[in-house]
N, C-alpha and C. Protein backbone atom coordinates (compact mmCIF):
# COMPACT_ATOMS: atom_id res chain seq x y z
N MET A 1 11.68 12.55 11.42
CA MET A 1 10.40 12.81 10.77
C MET A 1 9.28 12.47 11.73
N ASN A 2 8.20 13.22 11.67
CA ASN A 2 7.03 12.99 12.49
C ASN A 2 6.04 12.12 11.71
N TYR A 3 5.74 10.93 12.20
CA TYR A 3 4.86 10.01 11.50
C TYR A 3 3.44 10.09 12.03
N THR A 4 2.47 9.91 11.17
CA THR A 4 1.07 9.94 11.55
C THR A 4 0.70 8.75 12.41
N GLU A 5 1.25 7.60 12.09
CA GLU A 5 0.87 6.34 12.73
C GLU A 5 2.11 5.55 13.13
N PRO A 6 1.97 4.70 14.15
CA PRO A 6 3.05 3.74 14.38
C PRO A 6 2.97 2.67 13.29
N TYR A 7 4.07 1.98 13.03
CA TYR A 7 4.05 0.92 12.03
C TYR A 7 3.46 -0.33 12.65
N VAL A 8 2.32 -0.76 12.12
CA VAL A 8 1.66 -2.00 12.55
C VAL A 8 1.39 -2.79 11.29
N PRO A 9 2.12 -3.88 11.07
CA PRO A 9 1.93 -4.66 9.83
C PRO A 9 0.52 -5.25 9.73
N THR A 10 -0.03 -5.23 8.54
CA THR A 10 -1.31 -5.87 8.28
C THR A 10 -1.12 -7.38 8.46
N PRO A 11 -2.00 -8.02 9.22
CA PRO A 11 -1.87 -9.48 9.38
C PRO A 11 -1.92 -10.19 8.02
N GLU A 12 -0.94 -11.05 7.77
CA GLU A 12 -0.80 -11.73 6.47
C GLU A 12 -2.06 -12.47 6.04
N ASP A 13 -2.78 -13.07 6.99
CA ASP A 13 -3.92 -13.90 6.61
C ASP A 13 -5.12 -13.09 6.13
N ILE A 14 -5.18 -11.79 6.45
CA ILE A 14 -6.34 -11.02 6.00
C ILE A 14 -6.11 -10.30 4.66
N ILE A 15 -4.86 -10.22 4.23
CA ILE A 15 -4.56 -9.48 3.00
C ILE A 15 -5.29 -10.05 1.78
N PRO A 16 -5.22 -11.36 1.53
CA PRO A 16 -5.96 -11.89 0.36
C PRO A 16 -7.46 -11.63 0.47
N ARG A 17 -8.01 -11.68 1.66
CA ARG A 17 -9.44 -11.42 1.85
C ARG A 17 -9.77 -9.95 1.59
N MET A 18 -8.87 -9.05 2.02
CA MET A 18 -9.08 -7.61 1.75
C MET A 18 -9.14 -7.36 0.25
N LEU A 19 -8.17 -7.92 -0.46
CA LEU A 19 -8.08 -7.70 -1.90
C LEU A 19 -9.22 -8.38 -2.65
N ALA A 20 -9.64 -9.55 -2.20
CA ALA A 20 -10.79 -10.24 -2.82
C ALA A 20 -12.07 -9.45 -2.56
N LEU A 21 -12.24 -8.93 -1.36
CA LEU A 21 -13.41 -8.13 -1.03
C LEU A 21 -13.47 -6.87 -1.91
N ALA A 22 -12.30 -6.33 -2.25
CA ALA A 22 -12.23 -5.16 -3.13
C ALA A 22 -12.37 -5.55 -4.60
N SER A 23 -12.49 -6.83 -4.88
CA SER A 23 -12.63 -7.35 -6.25
C SER A 23 -11.50 -6.89 -7.16
N VAL A 24 -10.27 -6.99 -6.66
CA VAL A 24 -9.10 -6.59 -7.45
C VAL A 24 -8.98 -7.49 -8.67
N MET A 25 -8.86 -6.86 -9.82
CA MET A 25 -8.76 -7.57 -11.09
C MET A 25 -7.37 -7.39 -11.68
N PRO A 26 -6.93 -8.31 -12.56
CA PRO A 26 -5.64 -8.16 -13.22
C PRO A 26 -5.52 -6.80 -13.90
N GLU A 27 -4.34 -6.23 -13.80
CA GLU A 27 -3.99 -4.94 -14.40
C GLU A 27 -4.62 -3.73 -13.71
N GLU A 28 -5.48 -3.93 -12.71
CA GLU A 28 -5.98 -2.77 -11.97
C GLU A 28 -4.84 -2.17 -11.16
N MET A 29 -5.01 -0.91 -10.77
CA MET A 29 -3.99 -0.19 -10.00
C MET A 29 -4.43 -0.13 -8.54
N VAL A 30 -3.64 -0.77 -7.69
CA VAL A 30 -3.89 -0.78 -6.25
C VAL A 30 -2.92 0.20 -5.60
N PHE A 31 -3.43 1.16 -4.86
CA PHE A 31 -2.61 2.06 -4.06
C PHE A 31 -2.72 1.63 -2.61
N ASP A 32 -1.60 1.51 -1.93
CA ASP A 32 -1.58 1.19 -0.50
C ASP A 32 -0.96 2.37 0.23
N LEU A 33 -1.77 3.08 1.01
CA LEU A 33 -1.29 4.23 1.76
C LEU A 33 -0.78 3.77 3.12
N GLY A 34 0.49 4.05 3.38
CA GLY A 34 1.13 3.52 4.58
C GLY A 34 1.50 2.06 4.32
N SER A 35 2.20 1.84 3.21
CA SER A 35 2.42 0.47 2.71
C SER A 35 3.41 -0.35 3.52
N GLY A 36 4.13 0.26 4.45
CA GLY A 36 5.02 -0.51 5.32
C GLY A 36 6.02 -1.34 4.56
N ASP A 37 6.06 -2.63 4.85
CA ASP A 37 7.03 -3.53 4.21
C ASP A 37 6.53 -4.08 2.87
N GLY A 38 5.37 -3.63 2.42
CA GLY A 38 4.89 -3.98 1.08
C GLY A 38 4.06 -5.24 0.96
N ARG A 39 3.65 -5.80 2.06
CA ARG A 39 2.94 -7.08 1.99
C ARG A 39 1.64 -7.02 1.18
N ILE A 40 0.89 -5.93 1.26
CA ILE A 40 -0.33 -5.80 0.47
C ILE A 40 0.03 -5.65 -1.01
N LEU A 41 1.03 -4.84 -1.30
CA LEU A 41 1.49 -4.63 -2.68
C LEU A 41 1.90 -5.95 -3.32
N ILE A 42 2.70 -6.70 -2.60
CA ILE A 42 3.23 -7.96 -3.12
C ILE A 42 2.10 -8.96 -3.38
N THR A 43 1.15 -9.06 -2.46
CA THR A 43 0.02 -9.97 -2.66
C THR A 43 -0.84 -9.53 -3.84
N ALA A 44 -1.07 -8.21 -3.96
CA ALA A 44 -1.87 -7.70 -5.08
C ALA A 44 -1.21 -8.05 -6.42
N ALA A 45 0.11 -7.88 -6.50
CA ALA A 45 0.83 -8.16 -7.75
C ALA A 45 0.94 -9.66 -8.02
N LYS A 46 1.35 -10.41 -7.01
CA LYS A 46 1.63 -11.83 -7.20
C LYS A 46 0.36 -12.66 -7.36
N ASP A 47 -0.62 -12.45 -6.49
CA ASP A 47 -1.80 -13.31 -6.48
C ASP A 47 -2.97 -12.78 -7.30
N PHE A 48 -3.03 -11.45 -7.48
CA PHE A 48 -4.15 -10.85 -8.20
C PHE A 48 -3.73 -10.26 -9.55
N HIS A 49 -2.43 -10.31 -9.84
CA HIS A 49 -1.87 -9.81 -11.10
C HIS A 49 -2.21 -8.35 -11.36
N ALA A 50 -2.28 -7.59 -10.27
CA ALA A 50 -2.55 -6.16 -10.34
C ALA A 50 -1.24 -5.39 -10.39
N ARG A 51 -1.33 -4.13 -10.74
CA ARG A 51 -0.21 -3.21 -10.59
C ARG A 51 -0.42 -2.53 -9.25
N ALA A 52 0.66 -2.12 -8.60
CA ALA A 52 0.50 -1.57 -7.25
C ALA A 52 1.49 -0.44 -6.99
N VAL A 53 1.00 0.54 -6.22
CA VAL A 53 1.83 1.66 -5.79
C VAL A 53 1.74 1.73 -4.28
N GLY A 54 2.90 1.70 -3.64
CA GLY A 54 2.96 1.84 -2.19
C GLY A 54 3.44 3.23 -1.82
N VAL A 55 2.84 3.79 -0.78
CA VAL A 55 3.23 5.10 -0.28
C VAL A 55 3.58 4.93 1.19
N GLU A 56 4.85 5.16 1.50
CA GLU A 56 5.35 4.94 2.86
C GLU A 56 6.32 6.06 3.22
N ALA A 57 6.17 6.63 4.41
CA ALA A 57 7.02 7.74 4.84
C ALA A 57 8.35 7.27 5.45
N ARG A 58 8.41 6.04 5.90
CA ARG A 58 9.62 5.55 6.58
C ARG A 58 10.58 4.94 5.56
N MET A 59 11.71 5.61 5.36
CA MET A 59 12.68 5.17 4.34
C MET A 59 13.18 3.75 4.61
N ARG A 60 13.32 3.37 5.86
CA ARG A 60 13.77 2.00 6.19
C ARG A 60 12.80 0.98 5.61
N LEU A 61 11.51 1.23 5.73
CA LEU A 61 10.51 0.30 5.20
C LEU A 61 10.44 0.35 3.68
N VAL A 62 10.64 1.52 3.10
CA VAL A 62 10.67 1.65 1.64
C VAL A 62 11.82 0.82 1.08
N ARG A 63 12.99 0.93 1.70
CA ARG A 63 14.15 0.14 1.23
C ARG A 63 13.88 -1.36 1.36
N GLU A 64 13.31 -1.76 2.49
CA GLU A 64 12.99 -3.18 2.70
C GLU A 64 12.01 -3.68 1.65
N CYS A 65 10.98 -2.90 1.38
CA CYS A 65 9.98 -3.28 0.38
C CYS A 65 10.61 -3.36 -1.01
N ARG A 66 11.37 -2.36 -1.38
CA ARG A 66 12.02 -2.37 -2.71
C ARG A 66 12.92 -3.58 -2.88
N ARG A 67 13.63 -3.95 -1.83
CA ARG A 67 14.50 -5.13 -1.88
C ARG A 67 13.67 -6.39 -2.14
N LYS A 68 12.59 -6.56 -1.38
CA LYS A 68 11.74 -7.74 -1.54
C LYS A 68 11.11 -7.79 -2.93
N VAL A 69 10.63 -6.66 -3.39
CA VAL A 69 9.99 -6.59 -4.71
C VAL A 69 10.98 -6.99 -5.80
N LYS A 70 12.20 -6.49 -5.70
CA LYS A 70 13.23 -6.82 -6.69
C LYS A 70 13.58 -8.31 -6.63
N GLU A 71 13.76 -8.85 -5.42
CA GLU A 71 14.09 -10.27 -5.27
C GLU A 71 12.99 -11.17 -5.84
N MET A 72 11.74 -10.73 -5.74
CA MET A 72 10.61 -11.53 -6.21
C MET A 72 10.32 -11.31 -7.70
N GLY A 73 11.06 -10.41 -8.33
CA GLY A 73 10.85 -10.15 -9.75
C GLY A 73 9.55 -9.42 -10.05
N LEU A 74 9.11 -8.57 -9.13
CA LEU A 74 7.85 -7.87 -9.30
C LEU A 74 8.03 -6.38 -9.57
N SER A 75 9.24 -5.96 -9.89
CA SER A 75 9.52 -4.54 -10.11
C SER A 75 8.71 -3.93 -11.25
N HIS A 76 8.32 -4.74 -12.21
CA HIS A 76 7.52 -4.23 -13.33
C HIS A 76 6.07 -3.97 -12.93
N GLN A 77 5.64 -4.47 -11.76
CA GLN A 77 4.27 -4.31 -11.31
C GLN A 77 4.12 -3.39 -10.11
N ILE A 78 5.20 -3.20 -9.36
CA ILE A 78 5.11 -2.48 -8.09
C ILE A 78 6.05 -1.28 -8.07
N THR A 79 5.51 -0.15 -7.61
CA THR A 79 6.28 1.07 -7.41
C THR A 79 6.10 1.48 -5.95
N ILE A 80 7.17 1.91 -5.29
CA ILE A 80 7.09 2.35 -3.91
C ILE A 80 7.62 3.77 -3.82
N TRP A 81 6.79 4.65 -3.27
CA TRP A 81 7.18 6.04 -3.08
C TRP A 81 7.43 6.32 -1.60
N CYS A 82 8.50 7.04 -1.32
CA CYS A 82 8.77 7.48 0.04
C CYS A 82 8.24 8.90 0.18
N ARG A 83 7.02 9.01 0.69
CA ARG A 83 6.42 10.33 0.89
C ARG A 83 5.21 10.22 1.81
N ASN A 84 4.69 11.35 2.16
CA ASN A 84 3.52 11.45 3.01
C ASN A 84 2.28 11.11 2.17
N PHE A 85 1.49 10.16 2.61
CA PHE A 85 0.35 9.72 1.81
C PHE A 85 -0.71 10.81 1.63
N LYS A 86 -0.72 11.81 2.50
CA LYS A 86 -1.71 12.89 2.39
C LYS A 86 -1.45 13.78 1.17
N LYS A 87 -0.26 13.65 0.58
CA LYS A 87 0.10 14.51 -0.55
C LYS A 87 0.15 13.75 -1.88
N VAL A 88 -0.48 12.60 -1.93
CA VAL A 88 -0.42 11.75 -3.13
C VAL A 88 -1.70 11.89 -3.94
N ASN A 89 -1.55 12.03 -5.24
CA ASN A 89 -2.69 12.07 -6.15
C ASN A 89 -3.19 10.64 -6.35
N LEU A 90 -4.45 10.41 -6.06
CA LEU A 90 -5.01 9.06 -6.12
C LEU A 90 -5.88 8.82 -7.36
N ARG A 91 -5.82 9.71 -8.32
CA ARG A 91 -6.69 9.61 -9.50
C ARG A 91 -6.49 8.33 -10.30
N LYS A 92 -5.29 7.79 -10.30
CA LYS A 92 -5.02 6.58 -11.09
C LYS A 92 -5.37 5.29 -10.33
N ALA A 93 -5.79 5.41 -9.09
CA ALA A 93 -6.09 4.23 -8.28
C ALA A 93 -7.44 3.63 -8.66
N ASP A 94 -7.44 2.33 -8.89
CA ASP A 94 -8.70 1.59 -9.02
C ASP A 94 -9.14 1.08 -7.66
N VAL A 95 -8.16 0.73 -6.83
CA VAL A 95 -8.41 0.19 -5.50
C VAL A 95 -7.49 0.91 -4.53
N LEU A 96 -8.03 1.27 -3.38
CA LEU A 96 -7.26 1.94 -2.35
C LEU A 96 -7.22 1.05 -1.12
N ALA A 97 -6.01 0.63 -0.73
CA ALA A 97 -5.84 -0.22 0.45
C ALA A 97 -5.36 0.65 1.61
N LEU A 98 -6.04 0.50 2.74
CA LEU A 98 -5.68 1.26 3.94
C LEU A 98 -5.74 0.34 5.15
N PHE A 99 -4.73 0.39 5.97
CA PHE A 99 -4.75 -0.29 7.25
C PHE A 99 -4.31 0.78 8.25
N LEU A 100 -5.25 1.73 8.49
CA LEU A 100 -4.94 2.91 9.28
C LEU A 100 -5.95 3.05 10.43
N SER A 101 -5.56 3.83 11.42
CA SER A 101 -6.46 4.12 12.52
C SER A 101 -7.50 5.15 12.10
N SER A 102 -8.54 5.30 12.90
CA SER A 102 -9.55 6.31 12.61
C SER A 102 -8.93 7.71 12.66
N TYR A 103 -7.93 7.91 13.48
CA TYR A 103 -7.25 9.20 13.54
C TYR A 103 -6.63 9.55 12.18
N ALA A 104 -5.88 8.61 11.59
CA ALA A 104 -5.23 8.85 10.29
C ALA A 104 -6.27 9.01 9.19
N LEU A 105 -7.34 8.24 9.23
CA LEU A 105 -8.39 8.37 8.23
C LEU A 105 -9.06 9.74 8.31
N ASN A 106 -9.24 10.26 9.51
CA ASN A 106 -9.85 11.58 9.68
C ASN A 106 -8.94 12.68 9.16
N LEU A 107 -7.63 12.45 9.16
CA LEU A 107 -6.73 13.43 8.59
C LEU A 107 -6.93 13.55 7.08
N MET A 108 -7.34 12.46 6.46
CA MET A 108 -7.56 12.45 5.01
C MET A 108 -8.89 13.10 4.65
N ALA A 109 -9.92 12.79 5.38
CA ALA A 109 -11.26 13.32 5.09
C ALA A 109 -11.96 13.57 6.41
N PRO A 110 -11.73 14.73 7.01
CA PRO A 110 -12.31 15.01 8.32
C PRO A 110 -13.84 14.91 8.31
N CYS A 111 -14.38 14.41 9.38
CA CYS A 111 -15.83 14.32 9.54
C CYS A 111 -16.36 15.72 9.87
N PRO A 112 -17.57 16.04 9.41
CA PRO A 112 -18.13 17.38 9.67
C PRO A 112 -18.47 17.57 11.14
């Protein structure tokens, strides 16, 4: 498969700050595009009591994330999809988490 971005994990120490800056509230829906190993999803569910959807194209990372989510007992709050994030309907998202390059962001909404 041809991936848009290399996998670069979001630094653990900035995730709570990202979610706090977004004012994530309990029961809100957080979508993470390019969710990788699920660290943003897990923090949103565990620390902010949000529901979360991860979108990741790499099946290896999807499996790893699903395993961690199940082990942590967060399956009722977190869903992980293995697909291209450019083809995902974001209408149900209250918060959108992105840790992407400007190249990937321009693929989503090209500048004029």
